[in-house]
């Protein structure tokens, strides 16, 4: 986690030095921290290790649906 945090901070610095960092993007990111943290807390509260098999089936279904959706069959 510390490694990823340091990479993010370095990336922000590089973006700032190259002139790609915009105040509006930083402000939007700061506003979205609150719902992001709330969703993480809610997800941790809802997660029950006893339902691991159900979570796995749902994850496989989502992966299969996204793979089928990305195929050129429906274009």
N, C-alpha and C. Protein backbone atom coordinates (compact mmCIF):
# COMPACT_ATOMS: atom_id res chain seq x y z
N UNK A 1 0.82 -1.19 0.00
CA UNK A 1 0.00 0.00 0.00
C UNK A 1 0.87 1.26 0.00
N UNK A 2 1.94 1.22 0.76
CA UNK A 2 2.83 2.38 0.81
C UNK A 2 3.48 2.59 -0.56
N UNK A 3 3.86 1.50 -1.21
CA UNK A 3 4.45 1.60 -2.55
C UNK A 3 3.48 2.26 -3.52
N UNK A 4 2.21 1.84 -3.51
CA UNK A 4 1.23 2.42 -4.41
C UNK A 4 0.97 3.88 -4.09
N UNK A 5 0.94 4.22 -2.80
CA UNK A 5 0.76 5.61 -2.41
C UNK A 5 1.92 6.47 -2.91
N UNK A 6 3.15 5.97 -2.75
CA UNK A 6 4.31 6.73 -3.22
C UNK A 6 4.30 6.87 -4.74
N UNK A 7 3.88 5.83 -5.44
CA UNK A 7 3.77 5.93 -6.91
C UNK A 7 2.73 6.97 -7.31
N UNK A 8 1.61 6.99 -6.62
CA UNK A 8 0.58 7.99 -6.91
C UNK A 8 1.08 9.39 -6.65
N UNK A 9 1.76 9.59 -5.54
CA UNK A 9 2.28 10.92 -5.23
C UNK A 9 3.33 11.36 -6.25
N UNK A 10 4.19 10.44 -6.68
CA UNK A 10 5.18 10.77 -7.70
C UNK A 10 4.50 11.09 -9.04
N UNK A 11 3.43 10.35 -9.36
CA UNK A 11 2.71 10.60 -10.60
C UNK A 11 2.05 11.98 -10.58
N UNK A 12 1.50 12.36 -9.44
CA UNK A 12 0.90 13.68 -9.32
C UNK A 12 1.97 14.76 -9.51
N UNK A 13 3.15 14.54 -8.94
CA UNK A 13 4.24 15.49 -9.12
C UNK A 13 4.68 15.60 -10.57
N UNK A 14 4.79 14.48 -11.26
CA UNK A 14 5.18 14.49 -12.67
C UNK A 14 4.11 15.19 -13.51
N UNK A 15 2.85 14.90 -13.24
CA UNK A 15 1.77 15.57 -13.97
C UNK A 15 1.81 17.08 -13.74
N UNK A 16 2.08 17.48 -12.51
CA UNK A 16 2.17 18.92 -12.20
C UNK A 16 3.35 19.56 -12.93
N UNK A 17 4.51 18.90 -12.92
CA UNK A 17 5.69 19.46 -13.58
C UNK A 17 5.50 19.58 -15.09
N UNK A 18 4.76 18.67 -15.69
CA UNK A 18 4.53 18.70 -17.13
C UNK A 18 3.34 19.56 -17.53
N UNK A 19 2.63 20.12 -16.54
CA UNK A 19 1.52 21.01 -16.84
C UNK A 19 0.22 20.31 -17.16
N UNK A 20 0.11 19.03 -16.85
CA UNK A 20 -1.11 18.28 -17.14
C UNK A 20 -2.11 18.28 -15.98
N UNK A 21 -1.69 18.72 -14.82
CA UNK A 21 -2.56 18.70 -13.65
C UNK A 21 -3.42 19.95 -13.64
N UNK A 22 -4.74 19.76 -13.61
CA UNK A 22 -5.66 20.88 -13.63
C UNK A 22 -6.36 21.00 -12.28
N UNK A 23 -6.65 22.23 -11.89
CA UNK A 23 -7.30 22.48 -10.61
C UNK A 23 -8.68 21.84 -10.56
N UNK A 24 -9.41 21.87 -11.68
CA UNK A 24 -10.76 21.30 -11.69
C UNK A 24 -10.71 19.79 -11.46
N UNK A 25 -9.72 19.12 -12.02
CA UNK A 25 -9.60 17.67 -11.83
C UNK A 25 -9.25 17.35 -10.38
N UNK A 26 -8.38 18.13 -9.78
CA UNK A 26 -8.01 17.91 -8.38
C UNK A 26 -9.21 18.17 -7.47
N UNK A 27 -9.99 19.22 -7.76
CA UNK A 27 -11.17 19.52 -6.96
C UNK A 27 -12.21 18.41 -7.08
N UNK A 28 -12.42 17.91 -8.28
CA UNK A 28 -13.36 16.80 -8.47
C UNK A 28 -12.89 15.56 -7.72
N UNK A 29 -11.61 15.27 -7.79
CA UNK A 29 -11.06 14.14 -7.05
C UNK A 29 -11.24 14.29 -5.56
N UNK A 30 -11.05 15.50 -5.05
CA UNK A 30 -11.24 15.74 -3.61
C UNK A 30 -12.70 15.55 -3.21
N UNK A 31 -13.62 15.95 -4.08
CA UNK A 31 -15.05 15.76 -3.78
C UNK A 31 -15.44 14.28 -3.81
N UNK A 32 -14.81 13.51 -4.67
CA UNK A 32 -15.17 12.10 -4.82
C UNK A 32 -14.54 11.21 -3.77
N UNK A 33 -13.66 11.76 -2.94
CA UNK A 33 -13.05 10.96 -1.87
C UNK A 33 -14.12 10.49 -0.88
N UNK A 34 -15.06 11.37 -0.55
CA UNK A 34 -16.09 11.03 0.46
C UNK A 34 -16.96 9.86 0.01
N UNK A 35 -17.58 9.88 -1.19
CA UNK A 35 -18.38 8.71 -1.58
C UNK A 35 -17.54 7.45 -1.78
N UNK A 36 -16.30 7.60 -2.21
CA UNK A 36 -15.42 6.45 -2.37
C UNK A 36 -15.15 5.77 -1.03
N UNK A 37 -14.82 6.56 -0.02
CA UNK A 37 -14.58 6.00 1.30
C UNK A 37 -15.85 5.39 1.89
N UNK A 38 -16.99 6.05 1.67
CA UNK A 38 -18.26 5.52 2.17
C UNK A 38 -18.58 4.18 1.51
N UNK A 39 -18.32 4.06 0.21
CA UNK A 39 -18.57 2.80 -0.49
C UNK A 39 -17.64 1.70 0.02
N UNK A 40 -16.39 2.05 0.32
CA UNK A 40 -15.46 1.06 0.87
C UNK A 40 -15.91 0.57 2.24
N UNK A 41 -16.37 1.48 3.07
CA UNK A 41 -16.84 1.10 4.41
C UNK A 41 -18.09 0.22 4.28
N UNK A 42 -19.01 0.61 3.41
CA UNK A 42 -20.23 -0.17 3.21
C UNK A 42 -19.90 -1.56 2.66
N UNK A 43 -18.98 -1.63 1.69
CA UNK A 43 -18.59 -2.92 1.14
C UNK A 43 -17.94 -3.82 2.18
N UNK A 44 -17.12 -3.25 3.04
CA UNK A 44 -16.51 -4.03 4.12
C UNK A 44 -17.55 -4.51 5.12
N UNK A 45 -18.56 -3.69 5.36
CA UNK A 45 -19.62 -4.07 6.30
C UNK A 45 -20.50 -5.17 5.71
N UNK A 46 -20.75 -5.12 4.40
CA UNK A 46 -21.62 -6.11 3.76
C UNK A 46 -20.92 -7.44 3.49
N UNK A 47 -19.60 -7.43 3.39
CA UNK A 47 -18.86 -8.64 3.05
C UNK A 47 -18.93 -9.65 4.19
N UNK A 48 -19.31 -10.87 3.85
CA UNK A 48 -19.35 -11.96 4.81
C UNK A 48 -18.52 -13.11 4.25
N UNK A 49 -17.45 -13.51 4.92
CA UNK A 49 -16.58 -14.57 4.38
C UNK A 49 -17.31 -15.90 4.16
N UNK A 50 -18.40 -16.14 4.85
CA UNK A 50 -19.13 -17.39 4.67
C UNK A 50 -19.79 -17.51 3.31
N UNK A 51 -19.99 -16.40 2.62
CA UNK A 51 -20.63 -16.40 1.31
C UNK A 51 -19.62 -16.33 0.17
N UNK A 52 -18.43 -16.84 0.40
CA UNK A 52 -17.35 -16.77 -0.59
C UNK A 52 -17.74 -17.44 -1.90
N UNK A 53 -18.42 -18.56 -1.83
CA UNK A 53 -18.83 -19.27 -3.04
C UNK A 53 -19.81 -18.42 -3.86
N UNK A 54 -20.75 -17.76 -3.21
CA UNK A 54 -21.71 -16.89 -3.90
C UNK A 54 -20.98 -15.72 -4.56
N UNK A 55 -20.04 -15.10 -3.85
CA UNK A 55 -19.27 -13.99 -4.42
C UNK A 55 -18.50 -14.43 -5.65
N UNK A 56 -17.95 -15.64 -5.60
CA UNK A 56 -17.18 -16.15 -6.73
C UNK A 56 -18.09 -16.37 -7.94
N UNK A 57 -19.28 -16.93 -7.74
CA UNK A 57 -20.21 -17.16 -8.84
C UNK A 57 -20.64 -15.83 -9.45
N UNK A 58 -20.93 -14.85 -8.63
CA UNK A 58 -21.32 -13.53 -9.15
C UNK A 58 -20.17 -12.90 -9.92
N UNK A 59 -18.95 -13.02 -9.41
CA UNK A 59 -17.79 -12.46 -10.11
C UNK A 59 -17.59 -13.14 -11.46
N UNK A 60 -17.73 -14.46 -11.52
CA UNK A 60 -17.60 -15.16 -12.79
C UNK A 60 -18.69 -14.73 -13.77
N UNK A 61 -19.90 -14.53 -13.28
CA UNK A 61 -20.99 -14.07 -14.14
C UNK A 61 -20.68 -12.69 -14.71
N UNK A 62 -20.18 -11.79 -13.89
CA UNK A 62 -19.84 -10.44 -14.35
C UNK A 62 -18.72 -10.49 -15.38
N UNK A 63 -17.72 -11.33 -15.15
CA UNK A 63 -16.62 -11.48 -16.11
C UNK A 63 -17.13 -12.04 -17.43
N UNK A 64 -17.97 -13.06 -17.37
CA UNK A 64 -18.51 -13.65 -18.60
C UNK A 64 -19.39 -12.65 -19.36
N UNK A 65 -20.21 -11.90 -18.63
CA UNK A 65 -21.08 -10.92 -19.28
C UNK A 65 -20.26 -9.81 -19.94
N UNK A 66 -19.21 -9.37 -19.29
CA UNK A 66 -18.39 -8.32 -19.90
C UNK A 66 -17.62 -8.85 -21.10
N UNK A 67 -17.18 -10.11 -21.05
CA UNK A 67 -16.49 -10.71 -22.20
C UNK A 67 -17.45 -10.84 -23.39
N UNK A 68 -18.66 -11.28 -23.14
CA UNK A 68 -19.64 -11.40 -24.22
C UNK A 68 -20.02 -10.04 -24.76
N UNK A 69 -20.13 -9.06 -23.89
CA UNK A 69 -20.49 -7.72 -24.32
C UNK A 69 -19.39 -7.10 -25.18
N UNK A 70 -18.15 -7.47 -24.96
CA UNK A 70 -17.03 -6.94 -25.72
C UNK A 70 -16.81 -7.62 -27.06
N UNK A 71 -17.51 -8.70 -27.30
CA UNK A 71 -17.34 -9.41 -28.56
C UNK A 71 -18.03 -8.65 -29.69
N UNK A 72 -17.53 -8.76 -30.90
CA UNK A 72 -18.13 -8.02 -32.02
C UNK A 72 -19.43 -8.63 -32.53
N UNK A 73 -20.00 -9.59 -31.82
CA UNK A 73 -21.24 -10.22 -32.28
C UNK A 73 -22.42 -9.25 -32.23
N UNK A 74 -22.36 -8.30 -31.32
CA UNK A 74 -23.52 -7.42 -31.10
C UNK A 74 -23.34 -6.06 -31.77
N UNK A 75 -22.37 -5.91 -32.66
CA UNK A 75 -22.16 -4.62 -33.35
C UNK A 75 -23.05 -4.50 -34.55
